[in-house]
Amino acid sequence: MFIRSLTLAVLSVVAASPVWAADEVSPLAQDLGKNRPLIVIAPSTADPTLVSLKKAIDDPANKKDIDERQLVLYEVAQTVGKRAGKWMEQPATMALIRGLKLGVTPEGKSTVILVGKDGEQKILEHDGPIALKDVFSAVDALPASEKAAVAPAPAAPPEAKQAKGAKGAKAEKAGKQAAPQKDLED
């Protein structure tokens, strides 16, 4: 009986895990209106396009131009992702890939995508390693409406204020509703 219950518990967790992964919000949402994500999806970490872009972005001579254009590098090698050199969790990496809606990509070839502040995607066509100046040209060619995009303001939580004469009354938490009382049965 114990083994049967344990097996059922394990199967229910395994079966529900893809559902949980689908609920993950794309990491690109944090950059909307603030930064321009430059996403490199490569078959491996040794991919020439990925290596050359990382090297160019890490070069101190390019730092000013990268900061001016507000670029953030996302690297995805197979199913492992990084954002600005920091590891991303697996569900976040999968949400990033799903959010791009790329479809089928050529096997063994990397894909470079520039995402504007407004969320519009532009695939940068290339044969072999892509030069950072080509990325800068693509950013500079973006429409003026994209350059004017600003981050959406976070929703302000409603404040729960007490009336002056209501001493000792508990303020309800914002966003939570009191559970309805149940009748007691004898």
N, C-alpha and C. Protein backbone atom coordinates (compact mmCIF):
# COMPACT_ATOMS: atom_id res chain seq x y z
N MET A 1 0.83 -1.20 0.00
CA MET A 1 0.00 0.00 0.00
C MET A 1 0.87 1.26 0.00
N PHE A 2 1.92 1.25 0.81
CA PHE A 2 2.81 2.41 0.90
C PHE A 2 3.50 2.66 -0.44
N ILE A 3 3.94 1.59 -1.10
CA ILE A 3 4.63 1.74 -2.39
C ILE A 3 3.67 2.27 -3.44
N ARG A 4 2.44 1.81 -3.40
CA ARG A 4 1.44 2.28 -4.36
C ARG A 4 1.19 3.78 -4.15
N SER A 5 1.07 4.22 -2.91
CA SER A 5 0.86 5.65 -2.62
C SER A 5 2.06 6.48 -3.03
N LEU A 6 3.25 5.96 -2.77
CA LEU A 6 4.48 6.67 -3.14
C LEU A 6 4.59 6.79 -4.66
N THR A 7 4.28 5.73 -5.36
CA THR A 7 4.32 5.75 -6.82
C THR A 7 3.32 6.76 -7.38
N LEU A 8 2.12 6.79 -6.82
CA LEU A 8 1.11 7.74 -7.27
C LEU A 8 1.56 9.17 -7.01
N ALA A 9 2.18 9.42 -5.88
CA ALA A 9 2.66 10.77 -5.55
C ALA A 9 3.75 11.21 -6.52
N VAL A 10 4.68 10.33 -6.82
CA VAL A 10 5.77 10.66 -7.74
C VAL A 10 5.23 10.90 -9.14
N LEU A 11 4.32 10.07 -9.60
CA LEU A 11 3.74 10.24 -10.93
C LEU A 11 2.96 11.55 -11.04
N SER A 12 2.24 11.91 -10.00
CA SER A 12 1.47 13.16 -10.06
C SER A 12 2.40 14.37 -10.12
N VAL A 13 3.54 14.33 -9.43
CA VAL A 13 4.51 15.44 -9.49
C VAL A 13 5.15 15.50 -10.86
N VAL A 14 5.53 14.35 -11.41
CA VAL A 14 6.17 14.32 -12.72
C VAL A 14 5.20 14.78 -13.80
N ALA A 15 3.97 14.35 -13.71
CA ALA A 15 2.97 14.71 -14.73
C ALA A 15 2.62 16.19 -14.67
N ALA A 16 2.68 16.79 -13.49
CA ALA A 16 2.31 18.20 -13.35
C ALA A 16 3.47 19.15 -13.64
N SER A 17 4.69 18.66 -13.70
CA SER A 17 5.84 19.56 -13.87
C SER A 17 5.82 20.36 -15.17
N PRO A 18 5.42 19.81 -16.32
CA PRO A 18 5.35 20.67 -17.51
C PRO A 18 4.31 21.79 -17.37
N VAL A 19 3.26 21.54 -16.61
CA VAL A 19 2.25 22.56 -16.39
C VAL A 19 2.85 23.70 -15.59
N TRP A 20 3.65 23.36 -14.57
CA TRP A 20 4.29 24.41 -13.77
C TRP A 20 5.26 25.21 -14.61
N ALA A 21 6.00 24.56 -15.49
CA ALA A 21 6.97 25.27 -16.32
C ALA A 21 6.28 26.23 -17.27
N ALA A 22 5.08 25.90 -17.71
CA ALA A 22 4.37 26.77 -18.64
C ALA A 22 3.90 28.05 -17.97
N ASP A 23 3.80 28.05 -16.64
CA ASP A 23 3.36 29.23 -15.91
C ASP A 23 4.49 30.23 -15.69
N GLU A 24 5.71 29.86 -15.98
CA GLU A 24 6.86 30.74 -15.77
C GLU A 24 6.79 31.94 -16.71
N VAL A 25 6.98 33.12 -16.16
CA VAL A 25 6.97 34.35 -16.95
C VAL A 25 8.31 34.49 -17.66
N SER A 26 8.29 34.95 -18.90
CA SER A 26 9.52 35.12 -19.67
C SER A 26 10.43 36.13 -19.00
N PRO A 27 11.72 35.84 -18.94
CA PRO A 27 12.67 36.79 -18.35
C PRO A 27 12.73 38.11 -19.11
N LEU A 28 12.26 38.13 -20.34
CA LEU A 28 12.27 39.36 -21.13
C LEU A 28 11.34 40.42 -20.55
N ALA A 29 10.38 39.99 -19.73
CA ALA A 29 9.43 40.94 -19.15
C ALA A 29 10.14 41.96 -18.26
N GLN A 30 11.22 41.56 -17.60
CA GLN A 30 11.94 42.48 -16.73
C GLN A 30 12.70 43.55 -17.51
N ASP A 31 12.95 43.32 -18.80
CA ASP A 31 13.68 44.28 -19.61
C ASP A 31 12.77 45.17 -20.45
N LEU A 32 11.49 44.89 -20.46
CA LEU A 32 10.55 45.63 -21.30
C LEU A 32 10.56 47.11 -20.90
N GLY A 33 10.89 47.96 -21.87
CA GLY A 33 10.93 49.40 -21.64
C GLY A 33 12.21 49.90 -21.00
N LYS A 34 13.09 48.99 -20.57
CA LYS A 34 14.33 49.40 -19.90
C LYS A 34 15.57 49.09 -20.72
N ASN A 35 15.65 47.88 -21.22
CA ASN A 35 16.84 47.40 -21.94
C ASN A 35 16.45 46.79 -23.27
N ARG A 36 17.48 46.55 -24.09
CA ARG A 36 17.30 45.85 -25.36
C ARG A 36 18.01 44.50 -25.25
N PRO A 37 17.27 43.44 -25.04
CA PRO A 37 17.90 42.12 -24.97
C PRO A 37 18.49 41.70 -26.33
N LEU A 38 19.71 41.22 -26.28
CA LEU A 38 20.36 40.60 -27.43
C LEU A 38 20.48 39.13 -27.09
N ILE A 39 19.74 38.30 -27.78
CA ILE A 39 19.64 36.88 -27.44
C ILE A 39 20.40 36.07 -28.47
N VAL A 40 21.31 35.22 -27.97
CA VAL A 40 22.05 34.31 -28.84
C VAL A 40 21.66 32.90 -28.44
N ILE A 41 21.02 32.18 -29.36
CA ILE A 41 20.67 30.78 -29.12
C ILE A 41 21.65 29.96 -29.95
N ALA A 42 22.50 29.23 -29.25
CA ALA A 42 23.58 28.50 -29.92
C ALA A 42 23.49 27.01 -29.60
N PRO A 43 24.03 26.18 -30.50
CA PRO A 43 24.01 24.73 -30.25
C PRO A 43 24.96 24.32 -29.13
N SER A 44 26.00 25.14 -28.85
CA SER A 44 26.92 24.83 -27.76
C SER A 44 27.59 26.11 -27.29
N THR A 45 28.28 26.03 -26.18
CA THR A 45 28.99 27.21 -25.65
C THR A 45 30.22 27.54 -26.48
N ALA A 46 30.66 26.62 -27.33
CA ALA A 46 31.83 26.85 -28.19
C ALA A 46 31.44 27.41 -29.56
N ASP A 47 30.18 27.77 -29.73
CA ASP A 47 29.71 28.29 -31.01
C ASP A 47 30.46 29.60 -31.34
N PRO A 48 30.98 29.73 -32.56
CA PRO A 48 31.77 30.92 -32.92
C PRO A 48 31.00 32.24 -32.79
N THR A 49 29.71 32.23 -33.10
CA THR A 49 28.91 33.45 -32.98
C THR A 49 28.80 33.88 -31.52
N LEU A 50 28.49 32.92 -30.65
CA LEU A 50 28.36 33.21 -29.22
C LEU A 50 29.69 33.67 -28.64
N VAL A 51 30.76 32.96 -28.96
CA VAL A 51 32.08 33.29 -28.43
C VAL A 51 32.51 34.68 -28.87
N SER A 52 32.33 35.00 -30.16
CA SER A 52 32.77 36.31 -30.65
C SER A 52 31.95 37.46 -30.04
N LEU A 53 30.64 37.27 -29.89
CA LEU A 53 29.82 38.32 -29.29
C LEU A 53 30.15 38.52 -27.82
N LYS A 54 30.35 37.42 -27.09
CA LYS A 54 30.72 37.54 -25.68
C LYS A 54 32.05 38.27 -25.53
N LYS A 55 33.00 37.93 -26.39
CA LYS A 55 34.32 38.56 -26.33
C LYS A 55 34.20 40.05 -26.64
N ALA A 56 33.42 40.41 -27.65
CA ALA A 56 33.26 41.82 -28.02
C ALA A 56 32.52 42.60 -26.93
N ILE A 57 31.52 41.99 -26.32
CA ILE A 57 30.77 42.67 -25.27
C ILE A 57 31.60 42.84 -24.01
N ASP A 58 32.46 41.88 -23.71
CA ASP A 58 33.32 41.97 -22.53
C ASP A 58 34.49 42.91 -22.72
N ASP A 59 34.75 43.33 -23.95
CA ASP A 59 35.85 44.25 -24.24
C ASP A 59 35.53 45.63 -23.65
N PRO A 60 36.42 46.18 -22.79
CA PRO A 60 36.16 47.48 -22.18
C PRO A 60 35.99 48.61 -23.20
N ALA A 61 36.59 48.49 -24.37
CA ALA A 61 36.47 49.52 -25.40
C ALA A 61 35.03 49.66 -25.90
N ASN A 62 34.23 48.60 -25.80
CA ASN A 62 32.85 48.62 -26.29
C ASN A 62 31.83 48.93 -25.20
N LYS A 63 32.28 49.02 -23.96
CA LYS A 63 31.36 49.19 -22.82
C LYS A 63 30.47 50.42 -22.97
N LYS A 64 31.06 51.56 -23.39
CA LYS A 64 30.29 52.80 -23.53
C LYS A 64 29.18 52.64 -24.56
N ASP A 65 29.51 52.05 -25.72
CA ASP A 65 28.51 51.87 -26.77
C ASP A 65 27.40 50.91 -26.34
N ILE A 66 27.75 49.89 -25.60
CA ILE A 66 26.76 48.92 -25.12
C ILE A 66 25.83 49.58 -24.11
N ASP A 67 26.41 50.38 -23.19
CA ASP A 67 25.59 51.06 -22.19
C ASP A 67 24.68 52.11 -22.84
N GLU A 68 25.18 52.82 -23.84
CA GLU A 68 24.36 53.81 -24.55
C GLU A 68 23.14 53.17 -25.19
N ARG A 69 23.35 52.00 -25.73
CA ARG A 69 22.27 51.31 -26.44
C ARG A 69 21.46 50.41 -25.51
N GLN A 70 21.86 50.33 -24.26
CA GLN A 70 21.17 49.56 -23.22
C GLN A 70 20.97 48.10 -23.62
N LEU A 71 22.05 47.47 -24.08
CA LEU A 71 21.99 46.06 -24.49
C LEU A 71 22.24 45.15 -23.29
N VAL A 72 21.51 44.05 -23.25
CA VAL A 72 21.71 43.00 -22.25
C VAL A 72 21.83 41.69 -23.02
N LEU A 73 22.92 40.96 -22.79
CA LEU A 73 23.15 39.71 -23.51
C LEU A 73 22.50 38.54 -22.80
N TYR A 74 21.66 37.82 -23.55
CA TYR A 74 21.10 36.55 -23.11
C TYR A 74 21.80 35.47 -23.93
N GLU A 75 22.33 34.47 -23.25
CA GLU A 75 22.98 33.35 -23.93
C GLU A 75 22.19 32.09 -23.64
N VAL A 76 21.87 31.35 -24.68
CA VAL A 76 21.22 30.05 -24.50
C VAL A 76 22.02 29.04 -25.32
N ALA A 77 22.67 28.12 -24.62
CA ALA A 77 23.42 27.04 -25.27
C ALA A 77 22.72 25.75 -24.90
N GLN A 78 22.13 25.11 -25.88
CA GLN A 78 21.25 23.95 -25.70
C GLN A 78 20.07 24.40 -24.85
N THR A 79 19.97 23.97 -23.61
CA THR A 79 18.86 24.43 -22.76
C THR A 79 19.37 25.14 -21.51
N VAL A 80 20.61 25.60 -21.53
CA VAL A 80 21.20 26.29 -20.40
C VAL A 80 21.29 27.77 -20.76
N GLY A 81 20.79 28.64 -19.88
CA GLY A 81 20.76 30.05 -20.21
C GLY A 81 21.47 30.93 -19.20
N LYS A 82 21.90 32.09 -19.69
CA LYS A 82 22.52 33.13 -18.86
C LYS A 82 21.93 34.47 -19.27
N ARG A 83 21.82 35.36 -18.31
CA ARG A 83 21.43 36.74 -18.57
C ARG A 83 22.51 37.63 -17.98
N ALA A 84 23.16 38.41 -18.82
CA ALA A 84 24.24 39.31 -18.40
C ALA A 84 25.30 38.56 -17.60
N GLY A 85 25.63 37.35 -18.04
CA GLY A 85 26.68 36.56 -17.40
C GLY A 85 26.25 35.78 -16.17
N LYS A 86 25.00 35.90 -15.76
CA LYS A 86 24.50 35.18 -14.58
C LYS A 86 23.58 34.06 -15.02
N TRP A 87 23.73 32.90 -14.40
CA TRP A 87 22.94 31.72 -14.76
C TRP A 87 21.47 31.95 -14.52
N MET A 88 20.66 31.44 -15.44
CA MET A 88 19.21 31.47 -15.29
C MET A 88 18.75 30.07 -14.90
N GLU A 89 17.64 30.00 -14.19
CA GLU A 89 17.08 28.70 -13.83
C GLU A 89 16.49 28.05 -15.08
N GLN A 90 16.39 26.75 -15.06
CA GLN A 90 15.90 25.99 -16.21
C GLN A 90 14.50 26.43 -16.65
N PRO A 91 13.53 26.59 -15.72
CA PRO A 91 12.21 27.03 -16.18
C PRO A 91 12.24 28.42 -16.82
N ALA A 92 13.09 29.31 -16.32
CA ALA A 92 13.20 30.65 -16.89
C ALA A 92 13.79 30.58 -18.30
N THR A 93 14.77 29.71 -18.49
CA THR A 93 15.37 29.54 -19.82
C THR A 93 14.35 28.99 -20.80
N MET A 94 13.58 28.01 -20.37
CA MET A 94 12.54 27.45 -21.24
C MET A 94 11.46 28.48 -21.55
N ALA A 95 11.10 29.30 -20.56
CA ALA A 95 10.11 30.36 -20.79
C ALA A 95 10.64 31.39 -21.79
N LEU A 96 11.93 31.67 -21.73
CA LEU A 96 12.55 32.59 -22.69
C LEU A 96 12.43 32.03 -24.10
N ILE A 97 12.78 30.76 -24.26
CA ILE A 97 12.73 30.12 -25.59
C ILE A 97 11.29 30.07 -26.10
N ARG A 98 10.34 29.69 -25.23
CA ARG A 98 8.93 29.64 -25.64
C ARG A 98 8.42 31.02 -26.00
N GLY A 99 8.84 32.04 -25.25
CA GLY A 99 8.37 33.40 -25.49
C GLY A 99 8.83 33.97 -26.82
N LEU A 100 9.95 33.46 -27.33
CA LEU A 100 10.46 33.95 -28.61
C LEU A 100 9.66 33.42 -29.79
N LYS A 101 9.01 32.28 -29.61
CA LYS A 101 8.18 31.66 -30.66
C LYS A 101 8.93 31.56 -31.99
N LEU A 102 10.09 30.94 -31.93
CA LEU A 102 10.94 30.85 -33.11
C LEU A 102 10.52 29.79 -34.11
N GLY A 103 9.91 28.74 -33.64
CA GLY A 103 9.61 27.63 -34.54
C GLY A 103 10.86 26.79 -34.71
N VAL A 104 11.05 26.25 -35.89
CA VAL A 104 12.19 25.39 -36.17
C VAL A 104 13.39 26.25 -36.57
N THR A 105 14.52 26.01 -35.91
CA THR A 105 15.74 26.74 -36.26
C THR A 105 16.70 25.76 -36.94
N PRO A 106 17.54 26.26 -37.82
CA PRO A 106 18.49 25.36 -38.51
C PRO A 106 19.42 24.68 -37.50
N GLU A 107 19.59 23.39 -37.68
CA GLU A 107 20.42 22.61 -36.77
C GLU A 107 21.89 22.98 -36.95
N GLY A 108 22.58 23.18 -35.82
CA GLY A 108 23.99 23.48 -35.86
C GLY A 108 24.30 24.94 -36.14
N LYS A 109 23.27 25.78 -36.29
CA LYS A 109 23.48 27.20 -36.58
C LYS A 109 22.90 28.02 -35.44
N SER A 110 23.61 29.05 -35.06
CA SER A 110 23.12 29.91 -33.98
C SER A 110 22.13 30.94 -34.52
N THR A 111 21.28 31.42 -33.64
CA THR A 111 20.30 32.43 -33.98
C THR A 111 20.54 33.63 -33.08
N VAL A 112 20.59 34.82 -33.67
CA VAL A 112 20.79 36.06 -32.92
C VAL A 112 19.53 36.90 -33.08
N ILE A 113 18.96 37.29 -31.93
CA ILE A 113 17.70 38.04 -31.94
C ILE A 113 17.89 39.31 -31.11
N LEU A 114 17.50 40.42 -31.68
CA LEU A 114 17.50 41.70 -30.97
C LEU A 114 16.05 42.00 -30.62
N VAL A 115 15.81 42.24 -29.33
CA VAL A 115 14.46 42.58 -28.88
C VAL A 115 14.48 44.04 -28.46
N GLY A 116 13.59 44.82 -29.03
CA GLY A 116 13.52 46.25 -28.71
C GLY A 116 12.90 46.48 -27.35
N LYS A 117 12.98 47.71 -26.89
CA LYS A 117 12.39 48.07 -25.61
C LYS A 117 10.88 47.87 -25.62
N ASP A 118 10.29 47.93 -26.81
CA ASP A 118 8.85 47.75 -26.93
C ASP A 118 8.45 46.28 -27.07
N GLY A 119 9.44 45.38 -27.07
CA GLY A 119 9.17 43.94 -27.16
C GLY A 119 9.21 43.38 -28.56
N GLU A 120 9.37 44.21 -29.58
CA GLU A 120 9.45 43.73 -30.96
C GLU A 120 10.76 42.97 -31.18
N GLN A 121 10.68 41.86 -31.90
CA GLN A 121 11.86 41.02 -32.15
C GLN A 121 12.36 41.20 -33.58
N LYS A 122 13.68 41.19 -33.70
CA LYS A 122 14.29 41.27 -35.03
C LYS A 122 15.41 40.23 -35.06
N ILE A 123 15.29 39.28 -35.97
CA ILE A 123 16.33 38.25 -36.13
C ILE A 123 17.44 38.86 -36.97
N LEU A 124 18.65 38.82 -36.45
CA LEU A 124 19.81 39.35 -37.17
C LEU A 124 20.41 38.24 -38.01
N GLU A 125 20.28 38.37 -39.31
CA GLU A 125 20.79 37.36 -40.24
C GLU A 125 22.32 37.42 -40.26
N HIS A 126 22.95 36.25 -40.29
CA HIS A 126 24.41 36.20 -40.31
C HIS A 126 24.88 34.85 -40.83
N ASP A 127 26.07 34.86 -41.36
CA ASP A 127 26.76 33.62 -41.75
C ASP A 127 28.06 33.61 -40.96
N GLY A 128 28.13 32.74 -39.98
CA GLY A 128 29.32 32.73 -39.13
C GLY A 128 29.20 33.78 -38.04
N PRO A 129 30.32 34.13 -37.42
CA PRO A 129 30.28 35.11 -36.32
C PRO A 129 29.74 36.46 -36.78
N ILE A 130 28.97 37.09 -35.91
CA ILE A 130 28.38 38.39 -36.22
C ILE A 130 29.20 39.47 -35.52
N ALA A 131 29.48 40.56 -36.21
CA ALA A 131 30.27 41.65 -35.64
C ALA A 131 29.38 42.51 -34.75
N LEU A 132 29.97 43.03 -33.68
CA LEU A 132 29.22 43.87 -32.76
C LEU A 132 28.75 45.15 -33.45
N LYS A 133 29.49 45.63 -34.43
CA LYS A 133 29.07 46.83 -35.17
C LYS A 133 27.78 46.57 -35.94
N ASP A 134 27.56 45.33 -36.38
CA ASP A 134 26.30 44.98 -37.05
C ASP A 134 25.12 45.04 -36.06
N VAL A 135 25.38 44.63 -34.83
CA VAL A 135 24.36 44.71 -33.78
C VAL A 135 24.05 46.18 -33.49
N PHE A 136 25.10 47.00 -33.37
CA PHE A 136 24.91 48.43 -33.12
C PHE A 136 24.12 49.07 -34.26
N SER A 137 24.40 48.68 -35.49
CA SER A 137 23.68 49.22 -36.65
C SER A 137 22.20 48.85 -36.58
N ALA A 138 21.92 47.62 -36.15
CA ALA A 138 20.52 47.18 -36.03
C ALA A 138 19.80 47.96 -34.94
N VAL A 139 20.49 48.24 -33.83
CA VAL A 139 19.88 49.03 -32.76
C VAL A 139 19.63 50.45 -33.23
N ASP A 140 20.60 51.02 -33.92
CA ASP A 140 20.46 52.39 -34.39
C ASP A 140 19.37 52.53 -35.45
N ALA A 141 19.06 51.45 -36.15
CA ALA A 141 18.04 51.48 -37.20
C ALA A 141 16.63 51.26 -36.65
N LEU A 142 16.50 51.03 -35.35
CA LEU A 142 15.17 50.82 -34.77
C LEU A 142 14.33 52.08 -34.90
N PRO A 143 13.01 51.93 -35.03
CA PRO A 143 12.15 53.10 -35.19
C PRO A 143 12.16 53.99 -33.94
N ALA A 144 11.83 55.24 -34.13
CA ALA A 144 11.83 56.21 -33.03
C ALA A 144 10.84 55.83 -31.94
N SER A 145 9.74 55.19 -32.31
CA SER A 145 8.74 54.80 -31.30
C SER A 145 9.33 53.78 -30.33
N GLU A 146 10.23 52.92 -30.81
CA GLU A 146 10.87 51.95 -29.93
C GLU A 146 11.83 52.64 -28.98
N LYS A 147 12.54 53.63 -29.46
CA LYS A 147 13.51 54.34 -28.63
C LYS A 147 12.82 55.15 -27.54
N ALA A 148 11.58 55.55 -27.78
CA ALA A 148 10.83 56.33 -26.80
C ALA A 148 10.09 55.45 -25.80
N ALA A 149 10.12 54.13 -25.98
CA ALA A 149 9.38 53.23 -25.09
C ALA A 149 9.93 53.33 -23.68
N VAL A 150 9.04 53.35 -22.71
CA VAL A 150 9.43 53.39 -21.31
C VAL A 150 8.84 52.19 -20.60
N ALA A 151 9.44 51.87 -19.47
CA ALA A 151 8.99 50.71 -18.70
C ALA A 151 7.58 50.97 -18.17
N PRO A 152 6.72 49.94 -18.20
CA PRO A 152 5.38 50.11 -17.65
C PRO A 152 5.47 50.33 -16.14
N ALA A 153 4.67 51.24 -15.62
CA ALA A 153 4.68 51.53 -14.19
C ALA A 153 4.06 50.37 -13.43
N PRO A 154 4.70 49.96 -12.31
CA PRO A 154 4.12 48.87 -11.53
C PRO A 154 2.81 49.32 -10.89
N ALA A 155 1.88 48.41 -10.80
CA ALA A 155 0.58 48.72 -10.22
C ALA A 155 0.75 49.01 -8.74
N ALA A 156 0.21 50.13 -8.29
CA ALA A 156 0.32 50.49 -6.88
C ALA A 156 -0.69 49.68 -6.07
N PRO A 157 -0.24 49.04 -4.98
CA PRO A 157 -1.18 48.25 -4.18
C PRO A 157 -2.12 49.19 -3.42
N PRO A 158 -3.40 48.83 -3.33
CA PRO A 158 -4.34 49.68 -2.59
C PRO A 158 -3.97 49.70 -1.12
N GLU A 159 -4.05 50.89 -0.54
CA GLU A 159 -3.67 51.02 0.86
C GLU A 159 -4.88 50.71 1.73
N ALA A 160 -4.64 49.95 2.77
CA ALA A 160 -5.71 49.62 3.71
C ALA A 160 -5.56 50.58 4.89
N LYS A 161 -6.45 51.58 4.96
CA LYS A 161 -6.39 52.58 6.04
C LYS A 161 -7.50 52.30 7.02
N GLN A 162 -7.17 52.53 8.30
CA GLN A 162 -8.15 52.36 9.34
C GLN A 162 -8.87 53.67 9.58
N ALA A 163 -10.12 53.58 9.93
CA ALA A 163 -10.86 54.76 10.32
C ALA A 163 -10.35 55.21 11.68
N LYS A 164 -10.49 56.52 11.98
CA LYS A 164 -9.94 57.05 13.23
C LYS A 164 -10.61 56.45 14.45
N GLY A 165 -11.86 56.16 14.39
CA GLY A 165 -12.57 55.65 15.55
C GLY A 165 -12.50 54.13 15.68
N ALA A 166 -11.82 53.43 14.81
CA ALA A 166 -11.79 51.97 14.83
C ALA A 166 -10.51 51.48 15.45
N LYS A 167 -10.36 51.69 16.76
CA LYS A 167 -9.15 51.23 17.44
C LYS A 167 -9.22 49.73 17.64
N GLY A 168 -8.09 49.09 17.48
CA GLY A 168 -7.98 47.66 17.74
C GLY A 168 -8.50 46.79 16.61
N ALA A 169 -9.08 47.36 15.60
CA ALA A 169 -9.57 46.55 14.49
C ALA A 169 -8.40 46.20 13.59
N LYS A 170 -8.39 44.99 13.10
CA LYS A 170 -7.30 44.54 12.23
C LYS A 170 -7.56 45.04 10.81
N ALA A 171 -6.50 45.54 10.20
CA ALA A 171 -6.61 45.94 8.80
C ALA A 171 -6.46 44.70 7.94
N GLU A 172 -7.28 44.60 6.91
CA GLU A 172 -7.17 43.44 6.02
C GLU A 172 -6.00 43.63 5.08
N LYS A 173 -5.37 42.53 4.73
CA LYS A 173 -4.26 42.59 3.78
C LYS A 173 -4.81 42.89 2.39
N ALA A 174 -4.05 43.71 1.66
CA ALA A 174 -4.46 44.05 0.31
C ALA A 174 -4.45 42.81 -0.57
N GLY A 175 -5.48 42.64 -1.37
CA GLY A 175 -5.51 41.54 -2.32
C GLY A 175 -6.12 40.27 -1.75
N LYS A 176 -6.34 40.19 -0.43
CA LYS A 176 -6.92 38.98 0.15
C LYS A 176 -8.34 39.29 0.61
N GLN A 177 -9.21 38.35 0.37
CA GLN A 177 -10.58 38.50 0.83
C GLN A 177 -10.79 37.55 1.98
N ALA A 178 -11.62 37.96 2.91
CA ALA A 178 -11.90 37.11 4.05
C ALA A 178 -12.69 35.89 3.57
N ALA A 179 -12.34 34.74 4.13
CA ALA A 179 -13.03 33.51 3.77
C ALA A 179 -14.43 33.53 4.37
N PRO A 180 -15.41 33.05 3.64
CA PRO A 180 -16.77 33.03 4.19
C PRO A 180 -16.83 32.06 5.37
N GLN A 181 -17.64 32.44 6.38
CA GLN A 181 -17.77 31.59 7.56
C GLN A 181 -18.64 30.39 7.23
N LYS A 182 -18.24 29.26 7.77
CA LYS A 182 -19.00 28.03 7.53
C LYS A 182 -19.90 27.77 8.74
N ASP A 183 -21.10 27.28 8.46
CA ASP A 183 -21.98 26.91 9.54
C ASP A 183 -21.48 25.67 10.23
N LEU A 184 -21.55 25.67 11.53
CA LEU A 184 -21.12 24.50 12.30
C LEU A 184 -22.25 23.50 12.36
N GLU A 185 -21.91 22.27 12.16
CA GLU A 185 -22.92 21.22 12.22
C GLU A 185 -22.80 20.49 13.53
N ASP A 186 -23.92 20.14 14.13
CA ASP A 186 -23.91 19.42 15.41
C ASP A 186 -23.90 17.96 15.21
